[in-house]
């Protein structure tokens, strides 16, 4: 429970979640790419930049590289940090944002996720 200055009380929920990486793929011609994701909370799909949460022990750039490859089949030669932000005020995880440049498409033989 939290208590407001006027004395009113409300339930406040904090969700502990891992950090995540969001990737804006930037092609040489100025185009970008979005992915369509189903969001259960909204019961609708959403167009979004490739993104996902860190695997245990993973750093921000490695997560960004993995998510871009998994969700789009793309590989980038350069990742530029666009900053780190907090999402919704009730989430503990931070969002690490990147611009990915020098984009190429992975060969079909390498499209399977890497073994962990």
Protein backbone atom coordinates (compact mmCIF):
# COMPACT_ATOMS: atom_id res chain seq x y z
CA UNK A 1 0.00 0.00 0.00
CA UNK A 2 1.06 3.56 -0.64
CA UNK A 3 -0.33 6.59 1.09
CA UNK A 4 -0.99 9.83 -0.79
CA UNK A 5 -0.56 13.28 0.78
CA UNK A 6 -4.35 13.55 1.20
CA UNK A 7 -4.35 10.34 3.26
CA UNK A 8 -5.88 8.12 0.57
CA UNK A 9 -4.29 4.69 0.19
CA UNK A 10 -3.88 2.52 -2.87
CA UNK A 11 -2.29 -0.78 -3.83
CA UNK A 12 0.99 -0.23 -5.68
CA UNK A 13 2.57 -3.16 -7.45
CA UNK A 14 6.23 -3.33 -8.43
CA UNK A 15 7.22 -5.90 -11.05
CA UNK A 16 10.81 -7.10 -10.91
CA UNK A 17 11.94 -7.76 -14.45
CA UNK A 18 15.30 -8.11 -16.23
CA UNK A 19 16.86 -5.37 -18.31
CA UNK A 20 16.04 -5.41 -22.02
CA UNK A 21 17.48 -4.23 -25.31
CA UNK A 22 15.56 -2.39 -28.05
CA UNK A 23 17.12 -2.21 -31.52
CA UNK A 24 16.34 0.24 -34.32
CA UNK A 25 17.76 -1.33 -37.49
CA UNK A 26 18.90 1.48 -39.79
CA UNK A 27 19.52 0.46 -43.39
CA UNK A 28 21.92 2.34 -45.68
CA UNK A 29 18.96 3.73 -47.66
CA UNK A 30 17.39 5.21 -44.50
CA UNK A 31 14.74 2.50 -44.07
CA UNK A 32 14.11 0.65 -40.83
CA UNK A 33 12.23 -2.52 -39.90
CA UNK A 34 9.53 -3.24 -37.34
CA UNK A 35 8.28 -6.60 -36.13
CA UNK A 36 4.71 -7.51 -35.30
CA UNK A 37 4.29 -8.90 -31.78
CA UNK A 38 1.20 -10.31 -30.09
CA UNK A 39 0.58 -8.66 -26.71
CA UNK A 40 -1.65 -10.73 -24.45
CA UNK A 41 -2.36 -7.85 -22.05
CA UNK A 42 -3.92 -5.86 -24.90
CA UNK A 43 -5.34 -8.87 -26.78
CA UNK A 44 -3.90 -7.29 -29.91
CA UNK A 45 -0.75 -7.20 -31.98
CA UNK A 46 1.63 -4.28 -32.08
CA UNK A 47 4.30 -3.05 -34.50
CA UNK A 48 7.56 -2.63 -32.58
CA UNK A 49 11.32 -2.45 -32.96
CA UNK A 50 13.05 -5.78 -32.30
CA UNK A 51 13.52 -6.14 -28.55
CA UNK A 52 13.81 -8.60 -25.72
CA UNK A 53 15.10 -9.25 -22.25
CA UNK A 54 18.66 -10.10 -21.27
CA UNK A 55 19.60 -13.73 -20.84
CA UNK A 56 21.39 -14.40 -17.56
CA UNK A 57 24.93 -12.99 -17.67
CA UNK A 58 24.34 -11.26 -21.03
CA UNK A 59 25.39 -7.65 -21.63
CA UNK A 60 23.30 -5.04 -23.42
CA UNK A 61 25.03 -5.19 -26.83
CA UNK A 62 25.01 -8.99 -26.91
CA UNK A 63 21.29 -8.97 -26.11
CA UNK A 64 20.68 -6.41 -28.88
CA UNK A 65 22.63 -8.51 -31.40
CA UNK A 66 20.76 -11.67 -30.43
CA UNK A 67 17.31 -10.05 -30.53
CA UNK A 68 17.91 -8.44 -33.92
CA UNK A 69 19.04 -11.77 -35.40
CA UNK A 70 16.27 -13.83 -33.75
CA UNK A 71 13.41 -11.52 -34.64
CA UNK A 72 14.48 -10.33 -38.10
CA UNK A 73 17.29 -12.52 -39.42
CA UNK A 74 19.46 -9.41 -39.66
CA UNK A 75 23.05 -8.83 -38.54
CA UNK A 76 24.59 -5.40 -37.97
CA UNK A 77 28.24 -4.40 -37.94
CA UNK A 78 27.71 -1.33 -35.69
CA UNK A 79 25.56 -0.80 -32.60
CA UNK A 80 25.29 2.73 -31.26
CA UNK A 81 23.76 3.27 -27.83
CA UNK A 82 20.79 5.63 -27.87
CA UNK A 83 20.63 5.61 -24.08
CA UNK A 84 19.11 3.71 -21.20
CA UNK A 85 15.61 4.45 -19.92
CA UNK A 86 13.12 3.08 -17.46
CA UNK A 87 9.83 1.92 -18.91
CA UNK A 88 6.66 1.91 -16.89
CA UNK A 89 7.14 3.29 -13.39
CA UNK A 90 6.25 -0.06 -11.79
CA UNK A 91 8.98 -2.04 -13.63
CA UNK A 92 12.49 -2.43 -12.18
CA UNK A 93 14.26 -3.34 -15.43
CA UNK A 94 15.92 -0.77 -17.66
CA UNK A 95 15.61 -0.56 -21.46
CA UNK A 96 18.90 -0.23 -23.35
CA UNK A 97 18.24 1.32 -26.75
CA UNK A 98 20.48 0.88 -29.79
CA UNK A 99 20.69 1.90 -33.42
CA UNK A 100 22.04 -0.94 -35.57
CA UNK A 101 23.85 -0.07 -38.81
CA UNK A 102 25.78 -1.96 -41.48
CA UNK A 103 22.83 -4.33 -41.87
CA UNK A 104 23.04 -7.64 -43.73
CA UNK A 105 20.70 -10.63 -43.88
CA UNK A 106 21.95 -13.83 -42.27
CA UNK A 107 22.44 -16.77 -44.61
CA UNK A 108 19.58 -19.31 -44.40
CA UNK A 109 21.94 -21.90 -42.88
CA UNK A 110 22.64 -19.59 -39.96
CA UNK A 111 19.03 -18.62 -39.22
CA UNK A 112 18.63 -21.13 -36.42
CA UNK A 113 19.11 -19.61 -32.95
CA UNK A 114 22.61 -20.23 -31.57
CA UNK A 115 23.02 -23.17 -29.21
CA UNK A 116 23.17 -22.16 -25.57
